Amino acid sequence: MASMLLNPVKWWHLIARFVSSLPGTPPSVANEIWADDHLTKGERSLWVQLSNQDRRHSIAVAQRFVEDRPDATVPEIAGALLHDVGKIECRLGTFGRVVGTLIGPRGKRLAAYHDHEAIGAEMAANVGSEVATIELIAGCGPAIKSLNRSDHA
């Protein structure tokens, strides 16, 4: 929490993410097709469980990821698309996530929100994702810097 108070970039990202999370409109058909082209059947079964807001966010992040890393592999792009898939487990909406960000991992659902990377990596492993996909979701691997830049743009 103290690091958040000192980091205006983190606050800007959170504010922008909050504002973009308000409308519940689904991604465009073109963006849905683009995502489908980069996900396996099992990965798609996870991705469609994300809220409309989270799917729009994941597409925007993945498209920035491809711009930042033009030689990205399909498994890496899948990892970018699924980077927040573990948030399914916490079942928190926008306002619940704001509370979780501010007060930390208190209780089962807020703990799941804060552990979404590990949870998402396990979910991806369970549907047979490749190692590069799982690593990105877990917050590691050779493409993580590109993912972080893309997620915080």
C-alpha atoms as a PDB file:
ATOM      1  CA  MET A   1       0.000   0.000   0.000  1.00  0.00           C
ATOM      2  CA  ALA A   2       2.799   2.436   0.854  1.00  0.00           C
ATOM      3  CA  SER A   3       4.338   1.902  -2.592  1.00  0.00           C
ATOM      4  CA  MET A   4       0.999   2.795  -4.199  1.00  0.00           C
ATOM      5  CA  LEU A   5       0.910   6.082  -2.316  1.00  0.00           C
ATOM      6  CA  LEU A   6       4.284   7.003  -3.776  1.00  0.00           C
ATOM      7  CA  ASN A   7       3.719   5.744  -7.299  1.00  0.00           C
ATOM      8  CA  PRO A   8       1.627   8.100  -9.480  1.00  0.00           C
ATOM      9  CA  VAL A   9       1.991   5.752 -12.480  1.00  0.00           C
ATOM     10  CA  LYS A  10       0.224   3.002 -10.518  1.00  0.00           C
ATOM     11  CA  TRP A  11      -2.547   5.418  -9.533  1.00  0.00           C
ATOM     12  CA  TRP A  12      -2.968   6.630 -13.118  1.00  0.00           C
ATOM     13  CA  HIS A  13      -3.276   3.035 -14.321  1.00  0.00           C
ATOM     14  CA  LEU A  14      -5.848   2.232 -11.634  1.00  0.00           C
ATOM     15  CA  ILE A  15      -7.919   5.343 -12.354  1.00  0.00           C
ATOM     16  CA  ALA A  16      -7.891   4.701 -16.114  1.00  0.00           C
ATOM     17  CA  ARG A  17      -8.768   1.035 -15.516  1.00  0.00           C
ATOM     18  CA  PHE A  18     -11.634   2.056 -13.215  1.00  0.00           C
ATOM     19  CA  VAL A  19     -13.124   4.469 -15.760  1.00  0.00           C
ATOM     20  CA  SER A  20     -12.837   1.927 -18.579  1.00  0.00           C
ATOM     21  CA  SER A  21     -14.499  -0.698 -16.360  1.00  0.00           C
ATOM     22  CA  LEU A  22     -17.724   1.229 -15.939  1.00  0.00           C
ATOM     23  CA  PRO A  23     -19.482   0.486 -19.257  1.00  0.00           C
ATOM     24  CA  GLY A  24     -20.651  -3.113 -19.544  1.00  0.00           C
ATOM     25  CA  THR A  25     -20.528  -3.273 -23.328  1.00  0.00           C
ATOM     26  CA  PRO A  26     -18.951  -6.382 -24.828  1.00  0.00           C
ATOM     27  CA  PRO A  27     -15.898  -6.268 -27.088  1.00  0.00           C
ATOM     28  CA  SER A  28     -16.573  -5.639 -30.765  1.00  0.00           C
ATOM     29  CA  VAL A  29     -17.145  -8.660 -32.987  1.00  0.00           C
ATOM     30  CA  ALA A  30     -13.834  -7.963 -34.742  1.00  0.00           C
ATOM     31  CA  ASN A  31     -12.000  -7.964 -31.412  1.00  0.00           C
ATOM     32  CA  GLU A  32     -13.763 -11.158 -30.282  1.00  0.00           C
ATOM     33  CA  ILE A  33     -12.618 -12.839 -33.518  1.00  0.00           C
ATOM     34  CA  TRP A  34      -9.072 -11.525 -33.015  1.00  0.00           C
ATOM     35  CA  ALA A  35      -9.001 -13.005 -29.506  1.00  0.00           C
ATOM     36  CA  ASP A  36     -10.423 -16.332 -30.731  1.00  0.00           C
ATOM     37  CA  ASP A  37      -7.592 -16.560 -33.257  1.00  0.00           C
ATOM     38  CA  HIS A  38      -5.064 -16.566 -30.394  1.00  0.00           C
ATOM     39  CA  LEU A  39      -6.723 -18.906 -27.898  1.00  0.00           C
ATOM     40  CA  THR A  40      -7.083 -22.665 -27.756  1.00  0.00           C
ATOM     41  CA  LYS A  41     -10.524 -24.121 -27.128  1.00  0.00           C
ATOM     42  CA  GLY A  42      -9.695 -24.593 -23.434  1.00  0.00           C
ATOM     43  CA  GLU A  43      -8.298 -21.078 -23.100  1.00  0.00           C
ATOM     44  CA  ARG A  44     -11.379 -19.677 -24.786  1.00  0.00           C
ATOM     45  CA  SER A  45     -13.534 -21.490 -22.217  1.00  0.00           C
ATOM     46  CA  LEU A  46     -11.741 -19.477 -19.528  1.00  0.00           C
ATOM     47  CA  TRP A  47     -11.681 -16.179 -21.412  1.00  0.00           C
ATOM     48  CA  VAL A  48     -15.441 -16.108 -22.014  1.00  0.00           C
ATOM     49  CA  GLN A  49     -15.985 -16.296 -18.239  1.00  0.00           C
ATOM     50  CA  LEU A  50     -14.401 -12.843 -17.862  1.00  0.00           C
ATOM     51  CA  SER A  51     -16.763  -9.888 -17.642  1.00  0.00           C
ATOM     52  CA  ASN A  52     -17.280  -7.752 -20.732  1.00  0.00           C
ATOM     53  CA  GLN A  53     -15.076  -5.100 -19.133  1.00  0.00           C
ATOM     54  CA  ASP A  54     -12.279  -7.585 -18.463  1.00  0.00           C
ATOM     55  CA  ARG A  55     -12.490  -9.032 -21.974  1.00  0.00           C
ATOM     56  CA  ARG A  56     -12.261  -5.533 -23.494  1.00  0.00           C
ATOM     57  CA  HIS A  57      -9.272  -4.812 -21.242  1.00  0.00           C
ATOM     58  CA  SER A  58      -7.561  -8.094 -22.111  1.00  0.00           C
ATOM     59  CA  ILE A  59      -7.903  -7.428 -25.845  1.00  0.00           C
ATOM     60  CA  ALA A  60      -6.519  -3.900 -25.489  1.00  0.00           C
ATOM     61  CA  VAL A  61      -3.572  -5.198 -23.452  1.00  0.00           C
ATOM     62  CA  ALA A  62      -2.900  -8.066 -25.882  1.00  0.00           C
ATOM     63  CA  GLN A  63      -2.997  -5.766 -28.901  1.00  0.00           C
ATOM     64  CA  ARG A  64      -0.557  -3.345 -27.237  1.00  0.00           C
ATOM     65  CA  PHE A  65       1.552  -6.399 -26.327  1.00  0.00           C
ATOM     66  CA  VAL A  66       1.772  -7.398 -30.008  1.00  0.00           C
ATOM     67  CA  GLU A  67       2.788  -3.830 -30.920  1.00  0.00           C
ATOM     68  CA  ASP A  68       5.450  -3.864 -28.199  1.00  0.00           C
ATOM     69  CA  ARG A  69       6.616  -7.379 -29.089  1.00  0.00           C
ATOM     70  CA  PRO A  70       6.042  -7.902 -32.832  1.00  0.00           C
ATOM     71  CA  ASP A  71       7.668 -11.360 -32.721  1.00  0.00           C
ATOM     72  CA  ALA A  72       5.295 -12.575 -29.982  1.00  0.00           C
ATOM     73  CA  THR A  73       4.224 -16.177 -30.329  1.00  0.00           C
ATOM     74  CA  VAL A  74       0.593 -17.274 -30.231  1.00  0.00           C
ATOM     75  CA  PRO A  75       1.083 -18.769 -26.723  1.00  0.00           C
ATOM     76  CA  GLU A  76       2.503 -15.433 -25.539  1.00  0.00           C
ATOM     77  CA  ILE A  77      -0.446 -13.555 -27.038  1.00  0.00           C
ATOM     78  CA  ALA A  78      -2.762 -16.013 -25.285  1.00  0.00           C
ATOM     79  CA  GLY A  79      -0.955 -15.216 -22.038  1.00  0.00           C
ATOM     80  CA  ALA A  80      -1.537 -11.511 -22.621  1.00  0.00           C
ATOM     81  CA  LEU A  81      -5.224 -12.158 -23.311  1.00  0.00           C
ATOM     82  CA  LEU A  82      -5.543 -14.293 -20.180  1.00  0.00           C
ATOM     83  CA  HIS A  83      -3.319 -12.242 -17.853  1.00  0.00           C
ATOM     84  CA  ASP A  84      -6.252 -11.423 -15.535  1.00  0.00           C
ATOM     85  CA  VAL A  85      -8.214 -14.676 -15.911  1.00  0.00           C
ATOM     86  CA  GLY A  86      -7.592 -15.593 -12.260  1.00  0.00           C
ATOM     87  CA  LYS A  87      -9.869 -12.713 -11.267  1.00  0.00           C
ATOM     88  CA  ILE A  88     -12.797 -14.957 -12.189  1.00  0.00           C
ATOM     89  CA  GLU A  89     -12.191 -16.751  -8.897  1.00  0.00           C
ATOM     90  CA  CYS A  90     -12.632 -13.655  -6.720  1.00  0.00           C
ATOM     91  CA  ARG A  91     -16.064 -12.794  -8.164  1.00  0.00           C
ATOM     92  CA  LEU A  92     -15.599  -9.076  -7.492  1.00  0.00           C
ATOM     93  CA  GLY A  93     -16.992  -6.295  -9.615  1.00  0.00           C
ATOM     94  CA  THR A  94     -15.350  -2.951 -10.244  1.00  0.00           C
ATOM     95  CA  PHE A  95     -16.150  -1.467  -6.844  1.00  0.00           C
ATOM     96  CA  GLY A  96     -15.136  -4.625  -4.976  1.00  0.00           C
ATOM     97  CA  ARG A  97     -11.787  -4.527  -6.754  1.00  0.00           C
ATOM     98  CA  VAL A  98     -11.310  -0.904  -5.748  1.00  0.00           C
ATOM     99  CA  VAL A  99     -11.914  -1.883  -2.126  1.00  0.00           C
ATOM    100  CA  GLY A 100      -9.555  -4.846  -2.498  1.00  0.00           C
ATOM    101  CA  THR A 101      -6.846  -2.632  -3.941  1.00  0.00           C
ATOM    102  CA  LEU A 102      -7.193  -0.167  -1.089  1.00  0.00           C
ATOM    103  CA  ILE A 103      -7.470  -2.528   1.891  1.00  0.00           C
ATOM    104  CA  GLY A 104      -5.483  -5.526   0.715  1.00  0.00           C
ATOM    105  CA  PRO A 105      -6.118  -9.279   0.826  1.00  0.00           C
ATOM    106  CA  ARG A 106      -8.601  -9.467   3.712  1.00  0.00           C
ATOM    107  CA  GLY A 107     -10.945 -12.397   3.425  1.00  0.00           C
ATOM    108  CA  LYS A 108     -11.201 -15.166   0.857  1.00  0.00           C
ATOM    109  CA  ARG A 109     -12.438 -13.128  -2.136  1.00  0.00           C
ATOM    110  CA  LEU A 110      -9.994 -10.254  -1.667  1.00  0.00           C
ATOM    111  CA  ALA A 111      -7.163 -12.729  -1.166  1.00  0.00           C
ATOM    112  CA  ALA A 112      -8.153 -14.399  -4.457  1.00  0.00           C
ATOM    113  CA  TYR A 113      -8.127 -10.973  -6.140  1.00  0.00           C
ATOM    114  CA  HIS A 114      -4.577 -10.354  -4.943  1.00  0.00           C
ATOM    115  CA  ASP A 115      -3.498 -13.889  -5.917  1.00  0.00           C
ATOM    116  CA  HIS A 116      -5.135 -13.781  -9.356  1.00  0.00           C
ATOM    117  CA  GLU A 117      -1.851 -14.395 -11.199  1.00  0.00           C
ATOM    118  CA  ALA A 118      -1.164 -17.727  -9.466  1.00  0.00           C
ATOM    119  CA  ILE A 119      -4.820 -18.727  -9.674  1.00  0.00           C
ATOM    120  CA  GLY A 120      -4.979 -17.853 -13.377  1.00  0.00           C
ATOM    121  CA  ALA A 121      -1.762 -19.735 -14.146  1.00  0.00           C
ATOM    122  CA  GLU A 122      -3.207 -22.839 -12.499  1.00  0.00           C
ATOM    123  CA  MET A 123      -6.458 -22.451 -14.447  1.00  0.00           C
ATOM    124  CA  ALA A 124      -4.491 -22.185 -17.707  1.00  0.00           C
ATOM    125  CA  ALA A 125      -2.394 -25.228 -16.830  1.00  0.00           C
ATOM    126  CA  ASN A 126      -5.597 -27.166 -16.146  1.00  0.00           C
ATOM    127  CA  VAL A 127      -6.900 -26.473 -19.671  1.00  0.00           C
ATOM    128  CA  GLY A 128      -3.604 -27.487 -21.268  1.00  0.00           C
ATOM    129  CA  SER A 129      -2.064 -24.099 -22.051  1.00  0.00           C
ATOM    130  CA  GLU A 130       1.541 -23.972 -23.174  1.00  0.00           C
ATOM    131  CA  VAL A 131       4.331 -23.012 -20.771  1.00  0.00           C
ATOM    132  CA  ALA A 132       4.778 -19.540 -22.315  1.00  0.00           C
ATOM    133  CA  THR A 133       1.082 -18.785 -21.725  1.00  0.00           C
ATOM    134  CA  ILE A 134       1.164 -20.016 -18.141  1.00  0.00           C
ATOM    135  CA  GLU A 135       4.341 -18.064 -17.380  1.00  0.00           C
ATOM    136  CA  LEU A 136       2.869 -14.774 -18.576  1.00  0.00           C
ATOM    137  CA  ILE A 137      -0.315 -15.285 -16.588  1.00  0.00           C
ATOM    138  CA  ALA A 138       1.830 -16.089 -13.540  1.00  0.00           C
ATOM    139  CA  GLY A 139       3.733 -12.834 -14.005  1.00  0.00           C
ATOM    140  CA  CYS A 140       7.043 -14.233 -15.215  1.00  0.00           C
ATOM    141  CA  GLY A 141       8.824 -15.478 -18.330  1.00  0.00           C
ATOM    142  CA  PRO A 142      10.801 -13.784 -21.096  1.00  0.00           C
ATOM    143  CA  ALA A 143       7.883 -11.627 -22.312  1.00  0.00           C
ATOM    144  CA  ILE A 144       6.750 -10.288 -18.924  1.00  0.00           C
ATOM    145  CA  LYS A 145       8.276  -6.822 -19.388  1.00  0.00           C
ATOM    146  CA  SER A 146       6.298  -6.370 -22.603  1.00  0.00           C
ATOM    147  CA  LEU A 147       3.131  -7.525 -20.865  1.00  0.00           C
ATOM    148  CA  ASN A 148       3.680  -5.149 -17.956  1.00  0.00           C
ATOM    149  CA  ARG A 149       4.261  -2.215 -20.325  1.00  0.00           C
ATOM    150  CA  SER A 150       1.138  -3.157 -22.256  1.00  0.00           C
ATOM    151  CA  ASP A 151      -0.996  -3.560 -19.145  1.00  0.00           C
ATOM    152  CA  HIS A 152       0.078  -0.246 -17.638  1.00  0.00           C
ATOM    153  CA  ALA A 153      -0.028   1.851 -20.830  1.00  0.00           C
END
